[in-house]
Amino acid sequence: MFSWDENSSFLTYSCEYENLIRKAVKNIEKGFFEKVVLSRSIKIPFRNFYFKNTFIKLIYTYSNALISLWYDFHHGFWMGCTPELLMKSRNKRLKISALAGTIWEFNKWTKKEIKEHQIVIKYIFDLLKLYKGSIHIENTKIIKIGHLQHLETPISFSFYDEPDYYEILDRLHPTPSICGYPKKKSLDFIHKNEDYKRSFYTGYIGIVNQNNMELYLNLRCVKIKEREMILYAGSGITIDSNVHQEYVETENKIKNILSQLIFK
């Protein structure tokens, strides 16, 4: 059952998630992988919810994020406010956003966030160097979504020949920002150890027009079905991770969207 004491730093407490973080760090220390992104969810019962007002509030609050609302008969409503561009393609040009490393707005960056971010940049660079063309990596910048700050590095690629963007998408996703590195080992760890199904969380959402597409990772999202909401959040675990800080990061990410939801 959902409980949120405004005077408490936790929405809900899960020792299972903390233990999972510890297990991941031990696997990293043993050299099984460099990074893994672990996630969790919380369920909130509700009676009446303002879809339209919440959607409008998200647009005004997070103007630098993709705000989405969609419905599927089997999966219910999904609403999200994601800051992360997975890929944008048009003709022979491709743009990808390397976004990883998160801190609360008043905290300082540490080597943990910087290393976590560099892993994503390297993954994208290694993928794109398989193709003929020119790559441009912009300076890393800080973007702010609510009270959270993220490291973002825009990466663009100009192809000599028209590429198969669907093949690139298949190779690119999931990136280390939502999965880990190396991909197969971290993904195996997630499948074996996360105690729930992510569903559309960390999937991608956007517009596709033949070979042109603009896709974003489905983050900071909530699933709304019948009388229950499910909110999702994850954190990138590396050898420098602090268990408590990683847990708090997921709390802050959940609060980023929970604080914008409008109930009757």
C-alpha atoms as a PDB file:
ATOM      1  CA  MET A   1       0.000   0.000   0.000  1.00  0.00           C
ATOM      2  CA  PHE A   2       1.276   3.468  -0.882  1.00  0.00           C
ATOM      3  CA  SER A   3       2.325   5.739   1.953  1.00  0.00           C
ATOM      4  CA  TRP A   4       3.940   9.139   1.759  1.00  0.00           C
ATOM      5  CA  ASP A   5       4.768  11.144   4.830  1.00  0.00           C
ATOM      6  CA  GLU A   6       5.814  14.594   3.586  1.00  0.00           C
ATOM      7  CA  ASN A   7       8.262  14.860   6.490  1.00  0.00           C
ATOM      8  CA  SER A   8       9.981  11.655   5.444  1.00  0.00           C
ATOM      9  CA  SER A   9      12.686  11.312   2.796  1.00  0.00           C
ATOM     10  CA  PHE A  10      11.130   8.075   1.530  1.00  0.00           C
ATOM     11  CA  LEU A  11       7.914   7.437  -0.363  1.00  0.00           C
ATOM     12  CA  THR A  12       8.162   3.770   0.481  1.00  0.00           C
ATOM     13  CA  TYR A  13      11.113   1.773   1.709  1.00  0.00           C
ATOM     14  CA  SER A  14      12.345  -1.358  -0.023  1.00  0.00           C
ATOM     15  CA  CYS A  15      15.207  -3.289   1.539  1.00  0.00           C
ATOM     16  CA  GLU A  16      14.984  -5.632  -1.473  1.00  0.00           C
ATOM     17  CA  TYR A  17      16.032  -2.816  -3.797  1.00  0.00           C
ATOM     18  CA  GLU A  18      18.930  -1.811  -1.543  1.00  0.00           C
ATOM     19  CA  ASN A  19      20.082  -5.439  -1.415  1.00  0.00           C
ATOM     20  CA  LEU A  20      19.883  -5.589  -5.210  1.00  0.00           C
ATOM     21  CA  ILE A  21      22.152  -2.546  -5.458  1.00  0.00           C
ATOM     22  CA  ARG A  22      24.662  -4.223  -3.121  1.00  0.00           C
ATOM     23  CA  LYS A  23      24.556  -7.382  -5.223  1.00  0.00           C
ATOM     24  CA  ALA A  24      25.207  -5.367  -8.381  1.00  0.00           C
ATOM     25  CA  VAL A  25      28.193  -3.578  -6.837  1.00  0.00           C
ATOM     26  CA  LYS A  26      29.703  -6.936  -5.821  1.00  0.00           C
ATOM     27  CA  ASN A  27      29.286  -8.203  -9.388  1.00  0.00           C
ATOM     28  CA  ILE A  28      30.984  -5.080 -10.710  1.00  0.00           C
ATOM     29  CA  GLU A  29      33.868  -5.559  -8.261  1.00  0.00           C
ATOM     30  CA  LYS A  30      34.261  -9.094  -9.613  1.00  0.00           C
ATOM     31  CA  GLY A  31      34.484  -7.712 -13.151  1.00  0.00           C
ATOM     32  CA  PHE A  32      31.215  -9.123 -14.545  1.00  0.00           C
ATOM     33  CA  PHE A  33      30.200  -5.717 -15.927  1.00  0.00           C
ATOM     34  CA  GLU A  34      31.063  -2.024 -15.513  1.00  0.00           C
ATOM     35  CA  LYS A  35      27.586  -0.623 -15.033  1.00  0.00           C
ATOM     36  CA  VAL A  36      24.026  -1.828 -14.597  1.00  0.00           C
ATOM     37  CA  VAL A  37      20.856   0.250 -14.360  1.00  0.00           C
ATOM     38  CA  LEU A  38      18.511  -1.128 -11.723  1.00  0.00           C
ATOM     39  CA  SER A  39      14.926   0.017 -11.409  1.00  0.00           C
ATOM     40  CA  ARG A  40      11.952  -0.332  -9.118  1.00  0.00           C
ATOM     41  CA  SER A  41       8.306   0.671  -9.080  1.00  0.00           C
ATOM     42  CA  ILE A  42       5.744   1.838  -6.556  1.00  0.00           C
ATOM     43  CA  LYS A  43       1.979   1.377  -6.705  1.00  0.00           C
ATOM     44  CA  ILE A  44      -0.514   4.053  -5.727  1.00  0.00           C
ATOM     45  CA  PRO A  45      -4.251   3.404  -5.315  1.00  0.00           C
ATOM     46  CA  PHE A  46      -6.478   6.320  -6.344  1.00  0.00           C
ATOM     47  CA  ARG A  47     -10.106   7.210  -7.023  1.00  0.00           C
ATOM     48  CA  ASN A  48     -10.244  10.201  -9.364  1.00  0.00           C
ATOM     49  CA  PHE A  49      -7.462  11.664 -11.465  1.00  0.00           C
ATOM     50  CA  TYR A  50      -7.310  14.754 -13.697  1.00  0.00           C
ATOM     51  CA  PHE A  51      -5.655  13.593 -16.927  1.00  0.00           C
ATOM     52  CA  LYS A  52      -5.955  16.873 -18.835  1.00  0.00           C
ATOM     53  CA  ASN A  53      -4.886  19.162 -15.994  1.00  0.00           C
ATOM     54  CA  THR A  54      -1.935  16.937 -15.127  1.00  0.00           C
ATOM     55  CA  PHE A  55      -0.810  16.794 -18.753  1.00  0.00           C
ATOM     56  CA  ILE A  56      -0.942  20.592 -19.042  1.00  0.00           C
ATOM     57  CA  LYS A  57       0.910  20.997 -15.739  1.00  0.00           C
ATOM     58  CA  LEU A  58       3.694  18.682 -16.927  1.00  0.00           C
ATOM     59  CA  ILE A  59       4.082  20.704 -20.140  1.00  0.00           C
ATOM     60  CA  TYR A  60       4.531  23.957 -18.213  1.00  0.00           C
ATOM     61  CA  THR A  61       6.692  22.451 -15.459  1.00  0.00           C
ATOM     62  CA  TYR A  62       9.091  20.438 -17.640  1.00  0.00           C
ATOM     63  CA  SER A  63       9.366  22.530 -20.805  1.00  0.00           C
ATOM     64  CA  ASN A  64      12.643  20.832 -21.832  1.00  0.00           C
ATOM     65  CA  ALA A  65      11.210  17.296 -21.690  1.00  0.00           C
ATOM     66  CA  LEU A  66       8.977  15.259 -23.979  1.00  0.00           C
ATOM     67  CA  ILE A  67       5.554  15.090 -22.322  1.00  0.00           C
ATOM     68  CA  SER A  68       3.500  12.118 -23.453  1.00  0.00           C
ATOM     69  CA  LEU A  69       0.069  10.648 -22.830  1.00  0.00           C
ATOM     70  CA  TRP A  70      -1.195   7.574 -24.639  1.00  0.00           C
ATOM     71  CA  TYR A  71      -3.590   4.685 -24.176  1.00  0.00           C
ATOM     72  CA  ASP A  72      -3.657   1.001 -25.026  1.00  0.00           C
ATOM     73  CA  PHE A  73      -6.607  -1.286 -24.336  1.00  0.00           C
ATOM     74  CA  HIS A  74      -4.432  -3.957 -22.717  1.00  0.00           C
ATOM     75  CA  HIS A  75      -1.926  -1.727 -20.948  1.00  0.00           C
ATOM     76  CA  GLY A  76      -4.002   1.271 -19.853  1.00  0.00           C
ATOM     77  CA  PHE A  77      -2.906   4.909 -19.882  1.00  0.00           C
ATOM     78  CA  TRP A  78       0.744   5.936 -19.789  1.00  0.00           C
ATOM     79  CA  MET A  79       1.970   9.425 -18.990  1.00  0.00           C
ATOM     80  CA  GLY A  80       5.583  10.563 -18.946  1.00  0.00           C
ATOM     81  CA  CYS A  81       8.026  13.473 -18.977  1.00  0.00           C
ATOM     82  CA  THR A  82      11.279  12.161 -20.398  1.00  0.00           C
ATOM     83  CA  PRO A  83      14.394  14.307 -20.897  1.00  0.00           C
ATOM     84  CA  GLU A  84      16.301  11.736 -22.970  1.00  0.00           C
ATOM     85  CA  LEU A  85      16.413  11.680 -26.763  1.00  0.00           C
ATOM     86  CA  LEU A  86      17.288   8.176 -27.942  1.00  0.00           C
ATOM     87  CA  MET A  87      17.766   9.070 -31.604  1.00  0.00           C
ATOM     88  CA  LYS A  88      16.597  11.572 -34.202  1.00  0.00           C
ATOM     89  CA  SER A  89      17.198  10.765 -37.851  1.00  0.00           C
ATOM     90  CA  ARG A  90      16.555  12.643 -41.062  1.00  0.00           C
ATOM     91  CA  ASN A  91      18.049  11.735 -44.430  1.00  0.00           C
ATOM     92  CA  LYS A  92      21.750  11.105 -43.757  1.00  0.00           C
ATOM     93  CA  ARG A  93      21.958  12.831 -40.372  1.00  0.00           C
ATOM     94  CA  LEU A  94      21.553  11.230 -36.967  1.00  0.00           C
ATOM     95  CA  LYS A  95      21.446  12.789 -33.508  1.00  0.00           C
ATOM     96  CA  ILE A  96      21.724  10.897 -30.229  1.00  0.00           C
ATOM     97  CA  SER A  97      21.675  12.246 -26.684  1.00  0.00           C
ATOM     98  CA  ALA A  98      24.043  10.627 -24.215  1.00  0.00           C
ATOM     99  CA  LEU A  99      22.285  11.335 -20.924  1.00  0.00           C
ATOM    100  CA  ALA A 100      23.482   9.728 -17.714  1.00  0.00           C
ATOM    101  CA  GLY A 101      24.603  10.898 -14.303  1.00  0.00           C
ATOM    102  CA  THR A 102      22.057  12.435 -11.957  1.00  0.00           C
ATOM    103  CA  ILE A 103      22.306  14.578  -8.822  1.00  0.00           C
ATOM    104  CA  TRP A 104      19.933  16.631  -6.687  1.00  0.00           C
ATOM    105  CA  GLU A 105      20.122  20.310  -7.641  1.00  0.00           C
ATOM    106  CA  PHE A 106      22.200  21.407  -4.622  1.00  0.00           C
ATOM    107  CA  ASN A 107      24.636  18.490  -4.649  1.00  0.00           C
ATOM    108  CA  LYS A 108      28.055  18.381  -6.305  1.00  0.00           C
ATOM    109  CA  TRP A 109      29.142  16.165  -9.176  1.00  0.00           C
ATOM    110  CA  THR A 110      31.420  13.252  -8.274  1.00  0.00           C
ATOM    111  CA  LYS A 111      33.577  10.884 -10.266  1.00  0.00           C
ATOM    112  CA  LYS A 112      30.748   8.347 -10.086  1.00  0.00           C
ATOM    113  CA  GLU A 113      28.393  10.440 -12.262  1.00  0.00           C
ATOM    114  CA  ILE A 114      31.191  11.431 -14.619  1.00  0.00           C
ATOM    115  CA  LYS A 115      32.314   7.816 -15.143  1.00  0.00           C
ATOM    116  CA  GLU A 116      28.717   6.693 -15.584  1.00  0.00           C
ATOM    117  CA  HIS A 117      28.234   9.331 -18.255  1.00  0.00           C
ATOM    118  CA  GLN A 118      31.468   8.452 -20.065  1.00  0.00           C
ATOM    119  CA  ILE A 119      30.351   4.822 -20.377  1.00  0.00           C
ATOM    120  CA  VAL A 120      27.304   5.947 -22.389  1.00  0.00           C
ATOM    121  CA  ILE A 121      29.373   8.219 -24.655  1.00  0.00           C
ATOM    122  CA  LYS A 122      31.855   5.413 -25.376  1.00  0.00           C
ATOM    123  CA  TYR A 123      29.040   2.975 -26.173  1.00  0.00           C
ATOM    124  CA  ILE A 124      27.497   5.348 -28.719  1.00  0.00           C
ATOM    125  CA  PHE A 125      30.880   6.246 -30.228  1.00  0.00           C
ATOM    126  CA  ASP A 126      31.859   2.576 -30.625  1.00  0.00           C
ATOM    127  CA  LEU A 127      28.549   1.905 -32.369  1.00  0.00           C
ATOM    128  CA  LEU A 128      28.769   4.819 -34.804  1.00  0.00           C
ATOM    129  CA  LYS A 129      32.386   4.187 -35.800  1.00  0.00           C
ATOM    130  CA  LEU A 130      31.147   1.018 -37.517  1.00  0.00           C
ATOM    131  CA  TYR A 131      29.603   3.253 -40.200  1.00  0.00           C
ATOM    132  CA  LYS A 132      31.158   5.483 -42.850  1.00  0.00           C
ATOM    133  CA  GLY A 133      30.697   9.141 -42.086  1.00  0.00           C
ATOM    134  CA  SER A 134      31.731  11.900 -39.691  1.00  0.00           C
ATOM    135  CA  ILE A 135      30.955  12.120 -36.003  1.00  0.00           C
ATOM    136  CA  HIS A 136      30.651  15.234 -33.859  1.00  0.00           C
ATOM    137  CA  ILE A 137      30.573  15.040 -30.062  1.00  0.00           C
ATOM    138  CA  GLU A 138      29.494  18.285 -28.417  1.00  0.00           C
ATOM    139  CA  ASN A 139      30.614  19.541 -25.023  1.00  0.00           C
ATOM    140  CA  THR A 140      28.895  17.938 -22.076  1.00  0.00           C
ATOM    141  CA  LYS A 141      26.285  20.190 -20.493  1.00  0.00           C
ATOM    142  CA  ILE A 142      24.009  20.111 -17.460  1.00  0.00           C
ATOM    143  CA  ILE A 143      20.256  19.986 -17.942  1.00  0.00           C
ATOM    144  CA  LYS A 144      17.769  20.516 -15.149  1.00  0.00           C
ATOM    145  CA  ILE A 145      14.477  18.646 -14.861  1.00  0.00           C
ATOM    146  CA  GLY A 146      12.675  19.847 -11.751  1.00  0.00           C
ATOM    147  CA  HIS A 147      15.051  19.511  -8.806  1.00  0.00           C
ATOM    148  CA  LEU A 148      17.281  17.024 -10.630  1.00  0.00           C
ATOM    149  CA  GLN A 149      20.318  17.714 -12.772  1.00  0.00           C
ATOM    150  CA  HIS A 150      21.650  15.430 -15.509  1.00  0.00           C
ATOM    151  CA  LEU A 151      24.804  15.290 -17.605  1.00  0.00           C
ATOM    152  CA  GLU A 152      24.020  15.381 -21.326  1.00  0.00           C
ATOM    153  CA  THR A 153      26.318  15.124 -24.335  1.00  0.00           C
ATOM    154  CA  PRO A 154      24.694  15.569 -27.778  1.00  0.00           C
ATOM    155  CA  ILE A 155      26.273  13.369 -30.454  1.00  0.00           C
ATOM    156  CA  SER A 156      25.613  13.769 -34.179  1.00  0.00           C
ATOM    157  CA  PHE A 157      26.665  11.684 -37.174  1.00  0.00           C
ATOM    158  CA  SER A 158      26.610  12.459 -40.906  1.00  0.00           C
ATOM    159  CA  PHE A 159      26.505   9.334 -43.079  1.00  0.00           C
ATOM    160  CA  TYR A 160      28.125   9.151 -46.496  1.00  0.00           C
ATOM    161  CA  ASP A 161      25.329   6.866 -47.690  1.00  0.00           C
ATOM    162  CA  GLU A 162      21.693   6.552 -46.644  1.00  0.00           C
ATOM    163  CA  PRO A 163      21.729   4.160 -43.641  1.00  0.00           C
ATOM    164  CA  ASP A 164      19.185   1.677 -42.343  1.00  0.00           C
ATOM    165  CA  TYR A 165      18.013   3.524 -39.244  1.00  0.00           C
ATOM    166  CA  TYR A 166      15.939   0.583 -38.066  1.00  0.00           C
ATOM    167  CA  GLU A 167      19.102  -1.506 -37.916  1.00  0.00           C
ATOM    168  CA  ILE A 168      20.868   1.262 -35.997  1.00  0.00           C
ATOM    169  CA  LEU A 169      17.944   1.506 -33.580  1.00  0.00           C
ATOM    170  CA  ASP A 170      18.089  -2.239 -33.000  1.00  0.00           C
ATOM    171  CA  ARG A 171      21.801  -2.020 -32.190  1.00  0.00           C
ATOM    172  CA  LEU A 172      21.514   1.138 -30.104  1.00  0.00           C
ATOM    173  CA  HIS A 173      18.688   0.213 -27.767  1.00  0.00           C
ATOM    174  CA  PRO A 174      18.957  -0.452 -24.880  1.00  0.00           C
ATOM    175  CA  THR A 175      21.807   1.952 -24.189  1.00  0.00           C
ATOM    176  CA  PRO A 176      23.912   1.920 -20.993  1.00  0.00           C
ATOM    177  CA  SER A 177      21.773   4.787 -19.668  1.00  0.00           C
ATOM    178  CA  ILE A 178      18.878   2.355 -19.071  1.00  0.00           C
ATOM    179  CA  CYS A 179      20.585  -1.052 -19.193  1.00  0.00           C
ATOM    180  CA  GLY A 180      24.291  -1.137 -18.492  1.00  0.00           C
ATOM    181  CA  TYR A 181      27.634  -2.072 -19.996  1.00  0.00           C
ATOM    182  CA  PRO A 182      28.515  -4.499 -21.461  1.00  0.00           C
ATOM    183  CA  LYS A 183      24.962  -4.779 -22.713  1.00  0.00           C
ATOM    184  CA  LYS A 184      24.409  -8.537 -22.670  1.00  0.00           C
ATOM    185  CA  LYS A 185      25.832  -9.178 -19.198  1.00  0.00           C
ATOM    186  CA  SER A 186      24.052  -6.241 -17.583  1.00  0.00           C
ATOM    187  CA  LEU A 187      20.785  -7.100 -19.331  1.00  0.00           C
ATOM    188  CA  ASP A 188      21.051 -10.705 -18.118  1.00  0.00           C
ATOM    189  CA  PHE A 189      21.567  -9.450 -14.574  1.00  0.00           C
ATOM    190  CA  ILE A 190      18.462  -7.239 -14.839  1.00  0.00           C
ATOM    191  CA  HIS A 191      16.299 -10.076 -16.185  1.00  0.00           C
ATOM    192  CA  LYS A 192      17.433 -12.433 -13.434  1.00  0.00           C
ATOM    193  CA  ASN A 193      17.275 -10.037 -10.498  1.00  0.00           C
ATOM    194  CA  GLU A 194      14.666  -7.328 -10.966  1.00  0.00           C
ATOM    195  CA  ASP A 195      11.520  -8.678  -9.329  1.00  0.00           C
ATOM    196  CA  TYR A 196       9.024  -7.125 -11.751  1.00  0.00           C
ATOM    197  CA  LYS A 197       8.521  -6.458 -15.465  1.00  0.00           C
ATOM    198  CA  ARG A 198       9.379  -2.971 -16.693  1.00  0.00           C
ATOM    199  CA  SER A 199       6.676  -3.108 -19.357  1.00  0.00           C
ATOM    200  CA  PHE A 200       6.994   0.114 -21.426  1.00  0.00           C
ATOM    201  CA  TYR A 201       9.289   1.796 -18.899  1.00  0.00           C
ATOM    202  CA  THR A 202      12.717   2.324 -20.553  1.00  0.00           C
ATOM    203  CA  GLY A 203      11.187   1.520 -23.922  1.00  0.00           C
ATOM    204  CA  TYR A 204      11.057   4.234 -26.573  1.00  0.00           C
ATOM    205  CA  ILE A 205       8.301   6.530 -27.731  1.00  0.00           C
ATOM    206  CA  GLY A 206       8.070   9.035 -30.565  1.00  0.00           C
ATOM    207  CA  ILE A 207       7.266   9.687 -34.199  1.00  0.00           C
ATOM    208  CA  VAL A 208       8.294   7.556 -37.169  1.00  0.00           C
ATOM    209  CA  ASN A 209       7.857   8.562 -40.800  1.00  0.00           C
ATOM    210  CA  GLN A 210       9.438   5.926 -43.040  1.00  0.00           C
ATOM    211  CA  ASN A 211      13.187   6.295 -42.431  1.00  0.00           C
ATOM    212  CA  ASN A 212      12.885   9.512 -40.429  1.00  0.00           C
ATOM    213  CA  MET A 213      12.242   9.169 -36.712  1.00  0.00           C
ATOM    214  CA  GLU A 214      12.395  11.059 -33.435  1.00  0.00           C
ATOM    215  CA  LEU A 215      12.404   8.686 -30.491  1.00  0.00           C
ATOM    216  CA  TYR A 216      12.736   9.278 -26.752  1.00  0.00           C
ATOM    217  CA  LEU A 217      13.278   6.846 -23.899  1.00  0.00           C
ATOM    218  CA  ASN A 218      10.115   6.365 -21.839  1.00  0.00           C
ATOM    219  CA  LEU A 219      11.324   7.664 -18.462  1.00  0.00           C
ATOM    220  CA  ARG A 220       9.741   9.534 -15.516  1.00  0.00           C
ATOM    221  CA  CYS A 221       6.556   7.748 -16.423  1.00  0.00           C
ATOM    222  CA  VAL A 222       3.431   6.450 -14.733  1.00  0.00           C
ATOM    223  CA  LYS A 223       1.088   3.659 -15.765  1.00  0.00           C
ATOM    224  CA  ILE A 224      -2.567   4.364 -14.968  1.00  0.00           C
ATOM    225  CA  LYS A 225      -5.025   1.501 -15.066  1.00  0.00           C
ATOM    226  CA  GLU A 226      -8.350   1.095 -13.278  1.00  0.00           C
ATOM    227  CA  ARG A 227      -7.816   2.328  -9.697  1.00  0.00           C
ATOM    228  CA  GLU A 228      -4.063   1.971  -9.477  1.00  0.00           C
ATOM    229  CA  MET A 229      -0.996   3.864 -10.673  1.00  0.00           C
ATOM    230  CA  ILE A 230       2.496   2.462 -11.067  1.00  0.00           C
ATOM    231  CA  LEU A 231       5.476   4.832 -11.066  1.00  0.00           C
ATOM    232  CA  TYR A 232       8.953   3.774 -12.175  1.00  0.00           C
ATOM    233  CA  ALA A 233      12.510   4.915 -11.550  1.00  0.00           C
ATOM    234  CA  GLY A 234      16.014   3.569 -11.930  1.00  0.00           C
ATOM    235  CA  SER A 235      19.607   4.337 -11.048  1.00  0.00           C
ATOM    236  CA  GLY A 236      22.909   3.574 -12.745  1.00  0.00           C
ATOM    237  CA  ILE A 237      25.115   1.408 -10.548  1.00  0.00           C
ATOM    238  CA  THR A 238      28.915   1.509 -10.892  1.00  0.00           C
ATOM    239  CA  ILE A 239      31.844   0.498  -8.717  1.00  0.00           C
ATOM    240  CA  ASP A 240      31.691   3.938  -7.049  1.00  0.00           C
ATOM    241  CA  SER A 241      28.001   3.700  -6.143  1.00  0.00           C
ATOM    242  CA  ASN A 242      26.765   4.481  -2.655  1.00  0.00           C
ATOM    243  CA  VAL A 243      23.764   2.277  -1.842  1.00  0.00           C
ATOM    244  CA  HIS A 244      21.847   4.938   0.078  1.00  0.00           C
ATOM    245  CA  GLN A 245      22.477   7.646  -2.527  1.00  0.00           C
ATOM    246  CA  GLU A 246      21.345   5.389  -5.364  1.00  0.00           C
ATOM    247  CA  TYR A 247      18.153   4.599  -3.460  1.00  0.00           C
ATOM    248  CA  VAL A 248      17.485   8.288  -2.819  1.00  0.00           C
ATOM    249  CA  GLU A 249      18.020   8.999  -6.525  1.00  0.00           C
ATOM    250  CA  THR A 250      15.116   6.720  -7.423  1.00  0.00           C
ATOM    251  CA  GLU A 251      12.991   8.438  -4.767  1.00  0.00           C
ATOM    252  CA  ASN A 252      13.737  11.843  -6.257  1.00  0.00           C
ATOM    253  CA  LYS A 253      12.968  10.676  -9.791  1.00  0.00           C
ATOM    254  CA  ILE A 254       9.609   9.281  -8.700  1.00  0.00           C
ATOM    255  CA  LYS A 255       8.803  12.496  -6.824  1.00  0.00           C
ATOM    256  CA  ASN A 256       9.620  14.485  -9.980  1.00  0.00           C
ATOM    257  CA  ILE A 257       6.464  13.199 -11.659  1.00  0.00           C
ATOM    258  CA  LEU A 258       4.402  12.294  -8.571  1.00  0.00           C
ATOM    259  CA  SER A 259       4.524  15.932  -7.434  1.00  0.00           C
ATOM    260  CA  GLN A 260       2.832  16.984 -10.698  1.00  0.00           C
ATOM    261  CA  LEU A 261      -0.099  14.563 -10.589  1.00  0.00           C
ATOM    262  CA  ILE A 262      -3.468  16.195  -9.904  1.00  0.00           C
ATOM    263  CA  PHE A 263      -6.148  14.241  -8.078  1.00  0.00           C
ATOM    264  CA  LYS A 264      -9.740  15.201  -7.354  1.00  0.00           C
END
